[in-house]
C-alpha atoms as a PDB file:
ATOM      1  CA  UNK A   1      59.181 113.357 116.207  1.00  0.00           C
ATOM      2  CA  UNK A   2      56.038 112.209 116.822  1.00  0.00           C
ATOM      3  CA  UNK A   3      53.623 110.926 113.796  1.00  0.00           C
ATOM      4  CA  UNK A   4      50.022 109.950 113.458  1.00  0.00           C
ATOM      5  CA  UNK A   5      49.117 106.617 111.538  1.00  0.00           C
ATOM      6  CA  UNK A   6      48.831 108.546 108.182  1.00  0.00           C
ATOM      7  CA  UNK A   7      52.590 109.524 108.731  1.00  0.00           C
ATOM      8  CA  UNK A   8      51.660 112.985 109.252  1.00  0.00           C
ATOM      9  CA  UNK A   9      53.040 114.753 112.276  1.00  0.00           C
ATOM     10  CA  UNK A  10      50.919 115.417 115.609  1.00  0.00           C
ATOM     11  CA  UNK A  11      53.152 118.020 116.724  1.00  0.00           C
ATOM     12  CA  UNK A  12      50.913 120.901 117.711  1.00  0.00           C
ATOM     13  CA  UNK A  13      52.300 124.693 117.484  1.00  0.00           C
ATOM     14  CA  UNK A  14      53.580 125.878 120.326  1.00  0.00           C
ATOM     15  CA  UNK A  15      51.322 128.939 120.464  1.00  0.00           C
ATOM     16  CA  UNK A  16      48.428 129.919 118.062  1.00  0.00           C
ATOM     17  CA  UNK A  17      47.335 133.677 116.956  1.00  0.00           C
ATOM     18  CA  UNK A  18      45.153 134.991 119.413  1.00  0.00           C
ATOM     19  CA  UNK A  19      45.083 138.418 118.404  1.00  0.00           C
ATOM     20  CA  UNK A  20      43.173 140.299 115.739  1.00  0.00           C
ATOM     21  CA  UNK A  21      44.978 141.818 112.704  1.00  0.00           C
ATOM     22  CA  UNK A  22      44.064 145.436 113.680  1.00  0.00           C
ATOM     23  CA  UNK A  23      45.043 144.971 117.456  1.00  0.00           C
ATOM     24  CA  UNK A  24      48.347 143.396 116.609  1.00  0.00           C
ATOM     25  CA  UNK A  25      49.084 146.661 114.410  1.00  0.00           C
ATOM     26  CA  UNK A  26      48.073 148.703 117.407  1.00  0.00           C
ATOM     27  CA  UNK A  27      50.208 146.817 119.936  1.00  0.00           C
ATOM     28  CA  UNK A  28      53.259 147.152 118.019  1.00  0.00           C
ATOM     29  CA  UNK A  29      52.913 151.006 117.045  1.00  0.00           C
ATOM     30  CA  UNK A  30      52.157 152.066 120.817  1.00  0.00           C
ATOM     31  CA  UNK A  31      54.803 149.568 122.040  1.00  0.00           C
ATOM     32  CA  UNK A  32      57.372 151.006 119.624  1.00  0.00           C
ATOM     33  CA  UNK A  33      56.287 154.534 120.971  1.00  0.00           C
ATOM     34  CA  UNK A  34      56.439 153.531 124.716  1.00  0.00           C
ATOM     35  CA  UNK A  35      59.420 151.950 124.434  1.00  0.00           C
ATOM     36  CA  UNK A  36      61.204 155.062 122.491  1.00  0.00           C
ATOM     37  CA  UNK A  37      59.499 157.573 124.848  1.00  0.00           C
ATOM     38  CA  UNK A  38      60.843 155.663 127.951  1.00  0.00           C
ATOM     39  CA  UNK A  39      64.708 155.266 126.403  1.00  0.00           C
ATOM     40  CA  UNK A  40      64.428 159.016 125.582  1.00  0.00           C
ATOM     41  CA  UNK A  41      63.464 159.932 128.915  1.00  0.00           C
ATOM     42  CA  UNK A  42      66.200 157.560 130.760  1.00  0.00           C
ATOM     43  CA  UNK A  43      68.660 160.184 129.906  1.00  0.00           C
ATOM     44  CA  UNK A  44      66.942 163.250 131.692  1.00  0.00           C
ATOM     45  CA  UNK A  45      66.067 161.137 134.778  1.00  0.00           C
ATOM     46  CA  UNK A  46      66.846 162.913 138.064  1.00  0.00           C
ATOM     47  CA  UNK A  47      66.199 160.136 140.490  1.00  0.00           C
ATOM     48  CA  UNK A  48      66.458 156.369 140.974  1.00  0.00           C
ATOM     49  CA  UNK A  49      62.726 156.248 141.248  1.00  0.00           C
ATOM     50  CA  UNK A  50      62.327 157.966 137.760  1.00  0.00           C
ATOM     51  CA  UNK A  51      64.617 155.506 136.263  1.00  0.00           C
ATOM     52  CA  UNK A  52      63.222 152.215 137.444  1.00  0.00           C
ATOM     53  CA  UNK A  53      59.390 153.649 136.014  1.00  0.00           C
ATOM     54  CA  UNK A  54      60.867 154.462 132.737  1.00  0.00           C
ATOM     55  CA  UNK A  55      62.417 150.676 132.752  1.00  0.00           C
ATOM     56  CA  UNK A  56      59.110 149.506 133.408  1.00  0.00           C
ATOM     57  CA  UNK A  57      57.623 151.620 130.616  1.00  0.00           C
ATOM     58  CA  UNK A  58      60.283 150.252 128.324  1.00  0.00           C
ATOM     59  CA  UNK A  59      59.658 146.640 129.313  1.00  0.00           C
ATOM     60  CA  UNK A  60      56.014 147.122 128.980  1.00  0.00           C
ATOM     61  CA  UNK A  61      56.577 148.761 125.087  1.00  0.00           C
ATOM     62  CA  UNK A  62      58.922 145.718 124.274  1.00  0.00           C
ATOM     63  CA  UNK A  63      56.126 143.113 125.393  1.00  0.00           C
ATOM     64  CA  UNK A  64      53.558 144.988 123.348  1.00  0.00           C
ATOM     65  CA  UNK A  65      55.954 145.232 120.301  1.00  0.00           C
ATOM     66  CA  UNK A  66      56.682 141.348 121.037  1.00  0.00           C
ATOM     67  CA  UNK A  67      53.130 140.006 121.357  1.00  0.00           C
ATOM     68  CA  UNK A  68      51.922 141.848 118.461  1.00  0.00           C
ATOM     69  CA  UNK A  69      54.634 140.915 116.082  1.00  0.00           C
ATOM     70  CA  UNK A  70      54.113 137.019 116.931  1.00  0.00           C
ATOM     71  CA  UNK A  71      50.468 137.507 117.528  1.00  0.00           C
ATOM     72  CA  UNK A  72      50.320 135.464 120.705  1.00  0.00           C
ATOM     73  CA  UNK A  73      49.198 136.754 124.055  1.00  0.00           C
ATOM     74  CA  UNK A  74      49.747 134.384 127.031  1.00  0.00           C
ATOM     75  CA  UNK A  75      47.355 136.409 129.309  1.00  0.00           C
ATOM     76  CA  UNK A  76      44.569 135.873 126.615  1.00  0.00           C
ATOM     77  CA  UNK A  77      45.219 132.322 126.611  1.00  0.00           C
ATOM     78  CA  UNK A  78      45.094 131.980 130.204  1.00  0.00           C
ATOM     79  CA  UNK A  79      41.958 133.996 130.557  1.00  0.00           C
ATOM     80  CA  UNK A  80      40.303 131.890 127.572  1.00  0.00           C
ATOM     81  CA  UNK A  81      39.612 135.161 125.394  1.00  0.00           C
ATOM     82  CA  UNK A  82      38.803 134.500 121.870  1.00  0.00           C
ATOM     83  CA  UNK A  83      38.429 137.424 119.567  1.00  0.00           C
ATOM     84  CA  UNK A  84      34.878 138.447 118.872  1.00  0.00           C
ATOM     85  CA  UNK A  85      35.350 138.133 115.130  1.00  0.00           C
ATOM     86  CA  UNK A  86      36.361 134.721 115.644  1.00  0.00           C
ATOM     87  CA  UNK A  87      34.167 133.368 117.995  1.00  0.00           C
ATOM     88  CA  UNK A  88      30.698 133.804 116.000  1.00  0.00           C
ATOM     89  CA  UNK A  89      31.511 133.593 112.559  1.00  0.00           C
ATOM     90  CA  UNK A  90      28.345 134.563 110.233  1.00  0.00           C
END
């Protein structure tokens, strides 16, 4: 384990929160709704294309749920996005 001269740890967290609390809640709710809807539709799919599209919808929903739950969006990080409320505190 790495440590600095004061005996503390210099380890940085793997990721930091880059999503506002309101956006986190919205991601979780919308992601859960998309996942449930996609899973319900898969049972009634008539073609392979429909199944693939519904699986993609479920995957997108799960991505929203996970990023909302952990509060970190890799795409936001890569783009350098900082929530407006955190960028300019007054």
